[in-house]
Amino acid sequence: MNTSTKSVDVWDPIVRIGHWTLVIAFFTAYFTEDDFLTQHVWAGYIVGTVVLFRIVWGFIGSKHARFSDFIYSPAAVFGYLKGLVRGKPQHYMGHNPAGGAMVIALLLSLGATVFTGLSLYAVEENAGPLAGIVAASDKVIPASIIPSAYAEEDEGESEHGAMVNKEAEEFWEELHEFFANFTLLLVALHIGGVLLSSYIDKEKLVKAMITGRKEMPKEME
């Protein structure tokens, strides 16, 4: 180890386990979709649970897990990126300003992906935690209640015997796909940012998210 640096504890086990669980669950959900609906839905539940827990942990967790430790002003974010491009980035014990902004963006996008997915599941299958809310508002009617001959033109029967409002289905499906793809874009930017920062900033960020420890300049407390 470089004598000018020291190894410090940064990421607690909950942050690390949550991070890698999200990675696995998100990509499982992304690549299963309709062909493996059960796996897709359960992966989505896991993503939603981790996101909710991470939000709570952002208020009551360890020092560097808290939002107060890594939410910076837009000026600070751009200032950090400018220093990174110049090869002289400022060091941070926890997330740097750009990394902190990405954490917030990913949590919001993942949350939106889960919500739209649950809404779509409610409309298509009349199932899931939002079935009694979204499904009712979108007129999802059990097929056994009305003869199929009287079904409205914009409705069709799902494979599980529920009348589906096609307009609502398309609305939630498009939103769900948008946020899923937007999240994938953010993940790609996140990976690129981690690799760039690791190279320029000389920090092994991937290793740190596994071990929980970072190599920092000794002058930093």
Protein backbone atom coordinates (compact mmCIF):
# COMPACT_ATOMS: atom_id res chain seq x y z
CA MET A 1 0.00 0.00 0.00
CA ASN A 2 1.19 3.49 -0.79
CA THR A 3 2.61 5.05 2.40
CA SER A 4 0.85 8.31 1.54
CA THR A 5 -2.56 6.65 1.79
CA LYS A 6 -4.55 4.88 4.45
CA SER A 7 -7.31 2.27 4.30
CA VAL A 8 -10.55 3.49 5.84
CA ASP A 9 -14.00 1.98 6.37
CA VAL A 10 -16.56 3.74 4.18
CA TRP A 11 -19.40 1.48 3.02
CA ASP A 12 -21.32 -0.50 5.60
CA PRO A 13 -22.58 -4.04 4.80
CA ILE A 14 -26.14 -2.85 4.18
CA VAL A 15 -25.00 -0.42 1.48
CA ARG A 16 -22.81 -3.04 -0.18
CA ILE A 17 -25.33 -5.87 -0.06
CA GLY A 18 -28.08 -3.55 -1.27
CA HIS A 19 -25.91 -2.32 -4.14
CA TRP A 20 -25.10 -5.76 -5.51
CA THR A 21 -28.62 -7.05 -4.87
CA LEU A 22 -29.95 -4.21 -7.02
CA VAL A 23 -27.48 -5.06 -9.77
CA ILE A 24 -28.58 -8.70 -9.87
CA ALA A 25 -32.30 -8.04 -9.46
CA PHE A 26 -32.48 -5.21 -12.01
CA PHE A 27 -30.74 -7.17 -14.76
CA THR A 28 -32.77 -10.28 -13.93
CA ALA A 29 -35.96 -8.26 -14.35
CA TYR A 30 -34.68 -6.50 -17.46
CA PHE A 31 -33.81 -9.69 -19.33
CA THR A 32 -36.83 -11.80 -18.29
CA GLU A 33 -39.83 -9.57 -19.04
CA ASP A 34 -42.89 -11.32 -20.51
CA ASP A 35 -41.26 -14.67 -21.28
CA PHE A 36 -40.64 -15.35 -17.60
CA LEU A 37 -43.29 -13.22 -15.91
CA THR A 38 -42.99 -14.81 -12.46
CA GLN A 39 -39.23 -14.26 -12.32
CA HIS A 40 -39.67 -10.75 -13.72
CA VAL A 41 -42.24 -9.82 -11.09
CA TRP A 42 -40.25 -11.21 -8.17
CA ALA A 43 -37.08 -9.50 -9.35
CA GLY A 44 -39.10 -6.29 -9.50
CA TYR A 45 -40.33 -6.83 -5.95
CA ILE A 46 -36.72 -7.24 -4.80
CA VAL A 47 -35.69 -4.03 -6.58
CA GLY A 48 -38.57 -2.14 -5.00
CA THR A 49 -37.83 -3.48 -1.54
CA VAL A 50 -34.14 -2.59 -1.74
CA VAL A 51 -34.91 0.89 -3.08
CA LEU A 52 -37.35 1.58 -0.23
CA PHE A 53 -34.91 0.27 2.36
CA ARG A 54 -32.07 2.28 0.84
CA ILE A 55 -34.14 5.45 1.08
CA VAL A 56 -34.82 4.78 4.76
CA TRP A 57 -31.15 3.93 5.30
CA GLY A 58 -30.28 7.23 3.67
CA PHE A 59 -31.74 8.95 6.75
CA ILE A 60 -30.84 6.58 9.60
CA GLY A 61 -27.83 4.66 8.28
CA SER A 62 -24.10 5.01 8.79
CA LYS A 63 -22.37 8.32 8.10
CA HIS A 64 -21.46 7.82 4.43
CA ALA A 65 -24.76 6.05 3.66
CA ARG A 66 -26.80 9.12 4.58
CA PHE A 67 -28.09 11.50 1.94
CA SER A 68 -26.75 14.40 3.95
CA ASP A 69 -23.24 13.11 3.28
CA PHE A 70 -23.42 13.02 -0.52
CA ILE A 71 -26.13 15.37 -1.78
CA TYR A 72 -24.37 18.43 -3.18
CA SER A 73 -25.44 21.50 -5.11
CA PRO A 74 -25.37 21.42 -8.94
CA ALA A 75 -22.41 23.81 -8.78
CA ALA A 76 -20.46 21.31 -6.66
CA VAL A 77 -21.31 18.49 -9.08
CA PHE A 78 -20.10 20.45 -12.10
CA GLY A 79 -17.08 21.64 -10.16
CA TYR A 80 -16.09 18.07 -9.38
CA LEU A 81 -16.59 16.98 -13.00
CA LYS A 82 -14.48 19.89 -14.20
CA GLY A 83 -11.68 18.88 -11.85
CA LEU A 84 -12.02 15.25 -12.95
CA VAL A 85 -11.66 16.18 -16.62
CA ARG A 86 -8.58 18.24 -15.78
CA GLY A 87 -7.09 15.29 -13.93
CA LYS A 88 -7.23 17.05 -10.57
CA PRO A 89 -10.39 15.81 -8.86
CA GLN A 90 -11.12 16.54 -5.23
CA HIS A 91 -11.08 13.50 -2.95
CA TYR A 92 -14.14 12.51 -0.91
CA MET A 93 -14.44 9.87 1.78
CA GLY A 94 -17.91 8.84 0.63
CA HIS A 95 -19.59 9.49 -2.69
CA ASN A 96 -18.17 12.36 -4.66
CA PRO A 97 -20.73 14.97 -5.86
CA ALA A 98 -21.22 13.29 -9.26
CA GLY A 99 -21.54 9.87 -7.66
CA GLY A 100 -24.03 11.21 -5.14
CA ALA A 101 -26.14 12.74 -7.90
CA MET A 102 -26.09 9.41 -9.73
CA VAL A 103 -27.26 7.57 -6.61
CA ILE A 104 -30.28 9.85 -6.36
CA ALA A 105 -31.02 9.57 -10.08
CA LEU A 106 -30.82 5.77 -9.95
CA LEU A 107 -33.06 5.50 -6.88
CA LEU A 108 -35.68 7.74 -8.50
CA SER A 109 -35.53 5.93 -11.84
CA LEU A 110 -35.61 2.49 -10.23
CA GLY A 111 -38.54 3.57 -8.08
CA ALA A 112 -40.41 4.81 -11.15
CA THR A 113 -39.61 1.58 -12.99
CA VAL A 114 -41.01 -0.51 -10.15
CA PHE A 115 -44.13 1.64 -9.75
CA THR A 116 -44.98 1.58 -13.45
CA GLY A 117 -44.27 -2.15 -13.53
CA LEU A 118 -46.65 -2.77 -10.63
CA SER A 119 -49.26 -0.59 -12.32
CA LEU A 120 -48.90 -2.55 -15.55
CA TYR A 121 -49.14 -5.83 -13.60
CA ALA A 122 -52.33 -4.57 -11.96
CA VAL A 123 -53.88 -3.61 -15.30
CA GLU A 124 -52.85 -6.73 -17.19
CA GLU A 125 -53.29 -9.38 -14.52
CA ASN A 126 -55.36 -7.63 -11.83
CA ALA A 127 -52.62 -8.74 -9.44
CA GLY A 128 -49.96 -7.26 -7.22
CA PRO A 129 -50.12 -4.64 -4.44
CA LEU A 130 -51.64 -2.00 -6.75
CA ALA A 131 -54.38 -4.23 -8.15
CA GLY A 132 -57.04 -2.71 -5.91
CA ILE A 133 -55.99 0.83 -6.78
CA VAL A 134 -54.69 1.11 -10.33
CA ALA A 135 -56.75 -1.75 -11.68
CA ALA A 136 -59.96 -0.30 -10.31
CA SER A 137 -59.25 3.14 -11.69
CA ASP A 138 -58.46 1.66 -15.11
CA LYS A 139 -61.64 -0.45 -15.19
CA VAL A 140 -60.09 -3.88 -15.06
CA ILE A 141 -63.18 -6.10 -14.74
CA PRO A 142 -63.22 -9.85 -13.97
CA ALA A 143 -64.18 -11.68 -17.15
CA SER A 144 -66.71 -13.82 -15.32
CA ILE A 145 -68.91 -10.81 -14.51
CA ILE A 146 -69.86 -9.82 -18.05
CA PRO A 147 -70.31 -11.78 -21.27
CA SER A 148 -67.38 -11.37 -23.63
CA ALA A 149 -69.79 -10.20 -26.36
CA TYR A 150 -70.41 -7.02 -24.37
CA ALA A 151 -66.76 -6.22 -23.79
CA GLU A 152 -65.81 -2.80 -25.06
CA GLU A 153 -63.61 -2.62 -28.12
CA ASP A 154 -60.69 -1.21 -26.16
CA GLU A 155 -60.69 -4.13 -23.78
CA GLY A 156 -59.34 -7.65 -24.18
CA GLU A 157 -59.07 -10.73 -22.02
CA SER A 158 -55.74 -11.58 -20.38
CA GLU A 159 -54.47 -15.14 -20.17
CA HIS A 160 -55.66 -15.21 -16.54
CA GLY A 161 -59.26 -14.31 -17.33
CA ALA A 162 -59.45 -10.57 -16.65
CA MET A 163 -60.70 -7.88 -18.95
CA VAL A 164 -57.85 -5.52 -19.77
CA ASN A 165 -58.26 -1.87 -20.64
CA LYS A 166 -55.97 -1.70 -23.69
CA GLU A 167 -55.50 2.05 -23.50
CA ALA A 168 -54.39 1.84 -19.87
CA GLU A 169 -52.23 -1.17 -20.65
CA GLU A 170 -50.38 0.66 -23.41
CA PHE A 171 -49.96 3.74 -21.23
CA TRP A 172 -48.33 1.85 -18.34
CA GLU A 173 -46.36 -0.42 -20.64
CA GLU A 174 -44.77 2.50 -22.47
CA LEU A 175 -43.95 4.25 -19.19
CA HIS A 176 -42.50 1.07 -17.72
CA GLU A 177 -40.31 0.46 -20.77
CA PHE A 178 -39.17 4.07 -20.78
CA PHE A 179 -38.04 4.03 -17.15
CA ALA A 180 -36.47 0.58 -17.50
CA ASN A 181 -34.41 1.76 -20.48
CA PHE A 182 -33.64 5.08 -18.81
CA THR A 183 -32.38 3.19 -15.76
CA LEU A 184 -30.21 1.06 -18.04
CA LEU A 185 -28.76 4.27 -19.52
CA LEU A 186 -28.03 5.57 -16.03
CA VAL A 187 -26.34 2.29 -15.14
CA ALA A 188 -24.12 2.59 -18.22
CA LEU A 189 -23.22 6.17 -17.27
CA HIS A 190 -22.62 5.05 -13.70
CA ILE A 191 -20.23 2.29 -14.80
CA GLY A 192 -18.43 4.70 -17.12
CA GLY A 193 -18.14 7.28 -14.33
CA VAL A 194 -16.81 4.70 -11.87
CA LEU A 195 -14.17 3.50 -14.34
CA LEU A 196 -13.14 7.05 -15.26
CA SER A 197 -13.02 8.21 -11.66
CA SER A 198 -11.12 5.09 -10.61
CA TYR A 199 -8.52 5.74 -13.31
CA ILE A 200 -8.10 9.47 -12.81
CA ASP A 201 -8.76 9.63 -9.08
CA LYS A 202 -6.67 6.50 -8.39
CA GLU A 203 -9.49 5.02 -6.29
CA LYS A 204 -10.50 1.37 -6.59
CA LEU A 205 -14.22 2.08 -6.33
CA VAL A 206 -15.44 -1.36 -7.40
CA LYS A 207 -13.22 -3.04 -4.82
CA ALA A 208 -14.41 -0.53 -2.21
CA MET A 209 -18.03 -1.49 -2.86
CA ILE A 210 -17.05 -5.12 -2.21
CA THR A 211 -14.78 -4.71 0.82
CA GLY A 212 -16.29 -1.50 2.22
CA ARG A 213 -12.85 0.11 2.46
CA LYS A 214 -11.19 2.86 0.41
CA GLU A 215 -7.61 3.99 0.07
CA MET A 216 -7.54 7.69 0.94
CA PRO A 217 -4.79 10.30 1.34
CA LYS A 218 -3.51 10.27 4.91
CA GLU A 219 -4.28 13.94 5.36
CA MET A 220 -7.99 13.21 5.04
CA GLU A 221 -9.85 12.47 8.27
